[in-house]
Protein backbone atom coordinates (compact mmCIF):
# COMPACT_ATOMS: atom_id res chain seq x y z
CA UNK A 1 76.57 1.03 -46.42
CA UNK A 2 73.76 3.08 -47.98
CA UNK A 3 70.99 2.67 -45.44
CA UNK A 4 71.07 1.40 -41.99
CA UNK A 5 67.70 -0.06 -41.40
CA UNK A 6 68.71 -3.51 -39.94
CA UNK A 7 71.48 -6.04 -39.45
CA UNK A 8 71.01 -6.83 -43.10
CA UNK A 9 72.60 -3.64 -44.03
CA UNK A 10 75.77 -4.59 -42.14
CA UNK A 11 78.50 -6.34 -44.35
CA UNK A 12 80.96 -6.89 -41.54
CA UNK A 13 79.66 -6.93 -38.08
CA UNK A 14 83.02 -7.57 -36.33
CA UNK A 15 84.44 -4.44 -38.20
CA UNK A 16 81.37 -2.26 -37.32
CA UNK A 17 81.80 -3.32 -33.67
CA UNK A 18 85.54 -2.43 -33.72
CA UNK A 19 84.78 0.82 -35.55
CA UNK A 20 82.56 1.75 -32.64
CA UNK A 21 85.39 0.99 -30.18
CA UNK A 22 87.87 2.96 -32.28
CA UNK A 23 85.52 5.89 -32.13
CA UNK A 24 85.34 5.78 -28.35
CA UNK A 25 89.07 5.88 -28.25
CA UNK A 26 89.55 8.66 -30.71
CA UNK A 27 86.10 10.52 -31.16
CA UNK A 28 87.19 13.33 -33.47
CA UNK A 29 89.58 11.40 -35.77
CA UNK A 30 87.23 11.52 -38.68
CA UNK A 31 85.63 15.05 -38.43
CA UNK A 32 86.55 15.80 -42.00
CA UNK A 33 83.94 13.19 -43.31
CA UNK A 34 81.09 15.18 -42.33
CA UNK A 35 82.28 18.56 -43.29
CA UNK A 36 79.69 20.67 -45.05
CA UNK A 37 77.22 17.88 -44.71
CA UNK A 38 73.94 17.74 -42.77
CA UNK A 39 71.91 15.08 -40.89
CA UNK A 40 68.24 15.50 -40.24
CA UNK A 41 66.80 13.61 -37.18
CA UNK A 42 63.13 13.07 -37.52
CA UNK A 43 61.14 11.89 -34.51
CA UNK A 44 57.65 10.45 -34.54
CA UNK A 45 58.10 9.37 -30.91
CA UNK A 46 59.90 10.61 -27.84
CA UNK A 47 63.64 9.96 -27.21
CA UNK A 48 66.42 10.74 -24.74
CA UNK A 49 69.59 8.48 -25.57
CA UNK A 50 68.84 8.08 -29.28
CA UNK A 51 68.37 11.79 -29.87
CA UNK A 52 71.33 12.94 -27.83
CA UNK A 53 73.81 10.11 -28.73
CA UNK A 54 73.17 10.38 -32.54
CA UNK A 55 73.36 14.28 -32.52
CA UNK A 56 76.72 13.93 -30.41
CA UNK A 57 78.01 11.27 -32.92
CA UNK A 58 77.11 13.48 -35.92
CA UNK A 59 78.84 16.54 -34.32
CA UNK A 60 81.96 14.24 -33.71
CA UNK A 61 82.12 13.62 -37.44
CA UNK A 62 81.67 17.27 -38.35
CA UNK A 63 77.96 17.00 -39.44
CA UNK A 64 75.67 19.83 -39.14
CA UNK A 65 72.39 18.50 -37.22
CA UNK A 66 68.72 19.40 -37.58
CA UNK A 67 66.09 17.92 -35.40
CA UNK A 68 62.32 17.72 -35.97
CA UNK A 69 59.37 16.29 -34.00
CA UNK A 70 56.78 15.28 -36.50
CA UNK A 71 53.28 16.58 -35.55
CA UNK A 72 54.82 19.06 -33.23
CA UNK A 73 57.35 21.05 -35.30
CA UNK A 74 55.85 19.85 -38.55
CA UNK A 75 52.59 18.82 -40.27
CA UNK A 76 51.40 15.38 -39.56
CA UNK A 77 52.57 13.03 -42.38
CA UNK A 78 50.32 10.65 -44.29
CA UNK A 79 52.00 7.31 -45.17
CA UNK A 80 49.49 5.46 -47.15
CA UNK A 81 49.59 5.52 -51.06
CA UNK A 82 46.59 6.61 -53.11
CA UNK A 83 44.57 8.05 -50.17
CA UNK A 84 41.92 10.79 -50.20
CA UNK A 85 43.62 13.14 -47.68
CA UNK A 86 40.61 14.65 -45.74
CA UNK A 87 41.85 13.34 -42.48
CA UNK A 88 44.25 14.65 -39.85
CA UNK A 89 47.37 14.40 -41.73
CA UNK A 90 48.19 17.61 -43.80
CA UNK A 91 51.16 16.36 -45.79
CA UNK A 92 52.19 13.24 -47.67
CA UNK A 93 55.47 11.57 -47.15
CA UNK A 94 56.20 11.73 -50.89
CA UNK A 95 56.62 15.47 -50.74
CA UNK A 96 57.93 15.59 -47.11
CA UNK A 97 60.65 12.98 -47.57
CA UNK A 98 61.76 14.32 -50.89
CA UNK A 99 62.06 17.97 -49.36
CA UNK A 100 63.87 16.73 -46.24
CA UNK A 101 66.25 14.79 -48.69
CA UNK A 102 67.08 18.07 -50.54
CA UNK A 103 67.89 19.65 -47.11
CA UNK A 104 69.76 16.73 -45.71
CA UNK A 105 72.62 14.43 -46.71
CA UNK A 106 71.52 11.69 -44.20
CA UNK A 107 68.21 11.17 -42.50
CA UNK A 108 67.58 9.53 -39.20
CA UNK A 109 63.97 8.26 -38.37
CA UNK A 110 62.47 7.19 -35.19
CA UNK A 111 58.93 5.64 -35.50
CA UNK A 112 57.47 3.09 -33.09
CA UNK A 113 54.94 0.34 -33.57
CA UNK A 114 51.34 1.36 -33.04
CA UNK A 115 50.69 -2.22 -31.63
CA UNK A 116 47.16 -2.30 -33.28
CA UNK A 117 47.92 -4.10 -36.62
CA UNK A 118 50.74 -6.52 -36.66
CA UNK A 119 50.94 -6.85 -40.37
CA UNK A 120 51.10 -3.15 -40.75
CA UNK A 121 53.67 -2.59 -38.07
CA UNK A 122 55.92 -5.36 -39.43
CA UNK A 123 55.79 -3.83 -43.03
CA UNK A 124 57.92 -0.86 -41.55
CA UNK A 125 55.95 1.53 -43.61
CA UNK A 126 57.57 4.63 -42.26
CA UNK A 127 61.16 3.62 -42.82
CA UNK A 128 60.41 2.17 -46.29
CA UNK A 129 58.45 5.17 -47.36
CA UNK A 130 61.29 7.53 -46.34
CA UNK A 131 63.86 5.22 -48.06
CA UNK A 132 61.79 5.26 -51.32
CA UNK A 133 61.29 9.06 -51.58
CA UNK A 134 64.10 10.81 -49.80
CA UNK A 135 66.93 9.82 -52.23
CA UNK A 136 69.56 9.95 -49.39
CA UNK A 137 70.64 7.29 -46.85
CA UNK A 138 68.19 6.47 -43.93
CA UNK A 139 69.24 5.53 -40.47
CA UNK A 140 66.90 3.60 -38.31
CA UNK A 141 66.68 5.40 -34.84
CA UNK A 142 64.08 2.72 -33.79
CA UNK A 143 61.30 1.46 -35.91
CA UNK A 144 58.27 -0.66 -35.45
CA UNK A 145 60.19 -4.12 -35.27
CA UNK A 146 63.92 -3.13 -34.69
CA UNK A 147 66.31 -0.91 -32.80
CA UNK A 148 69.73 -1.56 -34.57
CA UNK A 149 71.67 1.33 -33.10
CA UNK A 150 70.77 -0.06 -29.62
CA UNK A 151 71.91 -3.43 -30.65
CA UNK A 152 75.19 -2.32 -32.02
CA UNK A 153 75.79 -0.49 -28.69
CA UNK A 154 74.88 -3.79 -26.93
CA UNK A 155 77.40 -5.67 -29.04
CA UNK A 156 80.16 -3.05 -28.18
CA UNK A 157 79.31 -3.32 -24.34
CA UNK A 158 79.38 -7.10 -24.39
CA UNK A 159 82.82 -7.14 -26.33
CA UNK A 160 84.18 -4.69 -23.75
CA UNK A 161 83.02 -6.86 -20.78
CA UNK A 162 84.28 -9.94 -22.43
CA UNK A 163 87.76 -8.37 -22.74
CA UNK A 164 87.78 -7.36 -19.20
CA UNK A 165 86.51 -10.84 -17.86
CA UNK A 166 88.51 -12.97 -20.15
CA UNK A 167 85.38 -15.03 -21.08
CA UNK A 168 85.67 -16.25 -24.59
CA UNK A 169 82.05 -17.42 -25.42
CA UNK A 170 79.69 -15.95 -22.63
CA UNK A 171 76.16 -17.16 -22.02
CA UNK A 172 73.85 -14.21 -22.88
CA UNK A 173 70.16 -14.35 -21.79
CA UNK A 174 67.38 -12.15 -22.99
CA UNK A 175 64.68 -12.01 -20.41
CA UNK A 176 61.11 -10.66 -20.49
CA UNK A 177 60.37 -8.38 -17.56
CA UNK A 178 56.86 -7.50 -16.17
CA UNK A 179 55.17 -4.23 -17.19
CA UNK A 180 51.56 -2.87 -16.96
CA UNK A 181 51.09 -1.62 -20.49
CA UNK A 182 52.04 -3.04 -23.92
CA UNK A 183 55.40 -2.17 -25.20
CA UNK A 184 56.68 -3.00 -28.82
CA UNK A 185 58.95 -6.05 -29.64
CA UNK A 186 61.50 -3.84 -31.41
CA UNK A 187 64.38 -3.90 -28.93
CA UNK A 188 63.86 -7.72 -28.16
CA UNK A 189 63.70 -8.41 -31.73
CA UNK A 190 66.69 -6.47 -32.58
CA UNK A 191 68.81 -7.77 -29.87
CA UNK A 192 67.84 -11.45 -30.70
CA UNK A 193 68.77 -10.73 -34.39
CA UNK A 194 72.26 -9.34 -33.41
CA UNK A 195 72.93 -12.03 -30.83
CA UNK A 196 71.94 -14.81 -33.22
CA UNK A 197 74.59 -13.48 -35.67
CA UNK A 198 77.11 -13.39 -32.72
CA UNK A 199 76.12 -16.92 -31.71
CA UNK A 200 76.56 -18.12 -35.37
CA UNK A 201 80.03 -16.77 -35.45
CA UNK A 202 80.89 -18.65 -32.14
CA UNK A 203 81.09 -15.28 -30.04
CA UNK A 204 78.13 -16.16 -27.67
CA UNK A 205 75.63 -18.63 -26.46
CA UNK A 206 72.28 -17.18 -26.67
CA UNK A 207 69.10 -17.98 -24.62
CA UNK A 208 65.70 -16.24 -24.60
CA UNK A 209 63.40 -16.69 -21.67
CA UNK A 210 59.82 -15.41 -21.14
CA UNK A 211 56.37 -16.57 -19.99
CA UNK A 212 54.43 -18.62 -22.50
CA UNK A 213 52.48 -16.37 -24.92
CA UNK A 214 55.42 -13.94 -25.36
CA UNK A 215 57.26 -15.69 -28.04
CA UNK A 216 58.85 -13.42 -30.52
CA UNK A 217 58.50 -13.78 -34.25
CA UNK A 218 60.30 -16.93 -35.47
CA UNK A 219 62.60 -14.87 -37.81
CA UNK A 220 64.03 -12.96 -34.69
CA UNK A 221 64.13 -16.13 -32.46
CA UNK A 222 66.31 -17.72 -34.98
CA UNK A 223 68.45 -20.52 -33.46
CA UNK A 224 68.14 -19.22 -29.96
CA UNK A 225 67.33 -21.61 -27.13
CA UNK A 226 63.98 -20.64 -25.71
CA UNK A 227 63.36 -21.55 -22.02
CA UNK A 228 60.08 -20.74 -20.33
CA UNK A 229 61.72 -20.99 -16.80
CA UNK A 230 63.60 -17.84 -15.84
CA UNK A 231 65.56 -19.54 -12.97
CA UNK A 232 66.70 -22.34 -15.26
CA UNK A 233 67.75 -19.80 -17.93
CA UNK A 234 69.71 -17.70 -15.59
CA UNK A 235 71.83 -20.62 -14.44
CA UNK A 236 75.55 -19.74 -15.57
CA UNK A 237 74.53 -16.72 -17.30
CA UNK A 238 77.35 -14.14 -17.97
CA UNK A 239 74.96 -11.37 -19.27
CA UNK A 240 71.31 -10.91 -18.49
CA UNK A 241 69.55 -8.50 -20.88
CA UNK A 242 66.26 -7.36 -19.51
CA UNK A 243 63.25 -5.98 -21.55
CA UNK A 244 59.53 -6.00 -21.55
CA UNK A 245 57.57 -6.64 -24.78
CA UNK A 246 53.93 -7.14 -25.54
CA UNK A 247 52.60 -10.49 -27.02
CA UNK A 248 53.40 -11.14 -30.78
CA UNK A 249 50.88 -13.90 -31.32
CA UNK A 250 48.05 -12.05 -29.41
CA UNK A 251 49.47 -8.82 -30.90
CA UNK A 252 50.12 -5.87 -28.60
CA UNK A 253 48.31 -7.49 -25.66
CA UNK A 254 49.63 -7.83 -22.00
CA UNK A 255 49.02 -11.50 -21.05
CA UNK A 256 50.62 -11.34 -17.61
CA UNK A 257 52.24 -8.83 -15.22
CA UNK A 258 53.86 -11.65 -13.06
CA UNK A 259 56.28 -9.78 -10.70
CA UNK A 260 58.34 -12.87 -10.24
CA UNK A 261 59.92 -12.07 -13.64
CA UNK A 262 61.51 -8.93 -12.38
CA UNK A 263 65.25 -9.15 -11.99
CA UNK A 264 66.59 -9.17 -8.48
CA UNK A 265 70.01 -9.87 -6.82
CA UNK A 266 68.89 -13.45 -6.30
CA UNK A 267 68.77 -13.81 -10.13
CA UNK A 268 72.25 -12.34 -10.22
CA UNK A 269 73.56 -14.75 -7.62
CA UNK A 270 72.14 -17.58 -9.65
CA UNK A 271 74.08 -16.46 -12.68
CA UNK A 272 77.79 -16.71 -13.30
CA UNK A 273 78.38 -13.31 -11.53
CA UNK A 274 76.54 -12.08 -14.52
CA UNK A 275 76.29 -8.47 -15.74
CA UNK A 276 72.87 -6.80 -16.23
CA UNK A 277 71.91 -4.99 -19.23
CA UNK A 278 68.93 -2.78 -20.16
CA UNK A 279 68.28 -0.28 -23.06
CA UNK A 280 66.66 2.27 -20.69
CA UNK A 281 64.41 3.86 -19.65
CA UNK A 282 63.72 1.28 -16.95
CA UNK A 283 61.02 1.45 -14.19
CA UNK A 284 62.85 0.78 -10.95
CA UNK A 285 61.60 -2.10 -8.72
CA UNK A 286 58.72 -2.89 -11.31
CA UNK A 287 61.19 -4.39 -13.76
CA UNK A 288 64.56 -4.48 -12.04
CA UNK A 289 65.38 -4.07 -8.27
CA UNK A 290 67.29 -1.06 -7.27
CA UNK A 291 70.01 -3.32 -5.66
CA UNK A 292 70.81 -4.66 -9.12
CA UNK A 293 70.75 -1.34 -10.99
CA UNK A 294 72.88 0.32 -8.44
CA UNK A 295 75.37 -2.61 -8.18
CA UNK A 296 78.70 -3.22 -9.92
CA UNK A 297 76.78 -5.82 -11.96
CA UNK A 298 74.77 -3.22 -13.73
CA UNK A 299 75.97 -2.18 -17.28
CA UNK A 300 73.16 0.13 -18.17
CA UNK A 301 75.05 3.51 -18.06
CA UNK A 302 78.06 2.22 -19.94
CA UNK A 303 75.72 0.62 -22.28
CA UNK A 304 73.84 3.97 -22.82
CA UNK A 305 77.20 5.63 -23.28
CA UNK A 306 78.08 3.35 -26.00
CA UNK A 307 75.09 4.47 -28.05
CA UNK A 308 77.21 7.45 -29.08
CA UNK A 309 79.94 5.13 -30.58
CA UNK A 310 77.35 2.82 -32.31
CA UNK A 311 75.86 5.91 -34.05
CA UNK A 312 79.23 7.18 -34.91
CA UNK A 313 80.45 3.85 -36.39
CA UNK A 314 77.38 3.67 -38.64
CA UNK A 315 77.43 7.36 -39.65
CA UNK A 316 81.14 7.03 -40.47
CA UNK A 317 80.55 4.05 -42.71
CA UNK A 318 77.66 5.87 -44.60
CA UNK A 319 79.84 9.10 -45.05
CA UNK A 320 82.63 6.99 -46.40
CA UNK A 321 80.45 5.56 -48.99
CA UNK A 322 79.25 8.95 -50.28
C-alpha cells in the first residue's frame, strides 16, 4: 500500500481487518517499523477520535508524530493551480506539501466537504494535491467524500460482534438520521462502499434506508437495497448504523428534519436484537435516544476504540512497503 485514500487502495480487505484485530491483541509487536520515522497529521477541520486514535496508533508503531491545524498553526493553503494569489491564502499547496513531505515519511490529511460545489468536493482536490506534491504516502483522515479509517474500524467492529453472536451473514442497515444543519456524505459514502465489498464477498446483507431526496451517489450505493421505509428496513436487522447526511442531488441541502427517523428502542425491538453503531460525535435524543446509546445494544464506544486499530493496520501496511 502506497497511499490510503479509499477502499481502492486496499488489496486484501480480509487481511487488513485481521491486521487491525491482531494489533488490538498485541499493540506493540511492530514498534520497529516506525523507528526513526515521522508522520505528520494535517487538519483542515476539527477532530477528536481521528486525531487521538491515529496519533496513538502511530506511537504504537514507533513513529514520531507531528500535528498541525491549517489556518491556525500554519498559513492558509491555496489548492487551485495557476491562480493569482491576492486572496486570503498565503501559501500554495505545491510548496507546502513538498516541504511537509521533506519533514515527514507519511502524511495524514483531514479536509471536509464545503457542501457548496458538488463537482469540486467530489474531485477530492485537497487529497489529490497533497498526493501529487508531497512525494510520500498520504493517509485519508476524512475527506470530502470518504472516511476510510472509520469504515475499516466499522468492519473490525462488525467482525468482532459477528464472532460473539455466531451470525454468519448479518443484515446491516445504514439509516439516515435527522439533523438541523447540512452534513457531508463522507461517512455514509464510505460505509456503503466498504459494506458493499463485504456483501459482494458474502459476509453481510446490506440495506440503505433514508427519506426520498437523500439518495447517495450511485457509485457508493452500488448493489445495496434502498428502502424508503425505515420500519421495513429495520425488520430483522442485526446491525443498525446511524448517520445524518445532506442531500447529494440537491447538494448540501437539508430537505427534512423528520424526527421519526431518530433511532429509539422501538426500532431496536423491531430488529433482530440488533446492535447500534454510529461514528460519533452524536447529538443525543435528536438523532438517537439515550436509552439506545446507554444500552447493551450500543457499540459506539467499542467502535470508536477500534479506530486505533484501523489506523494501526493501515500505517503498518504502509511502513512495510517502504
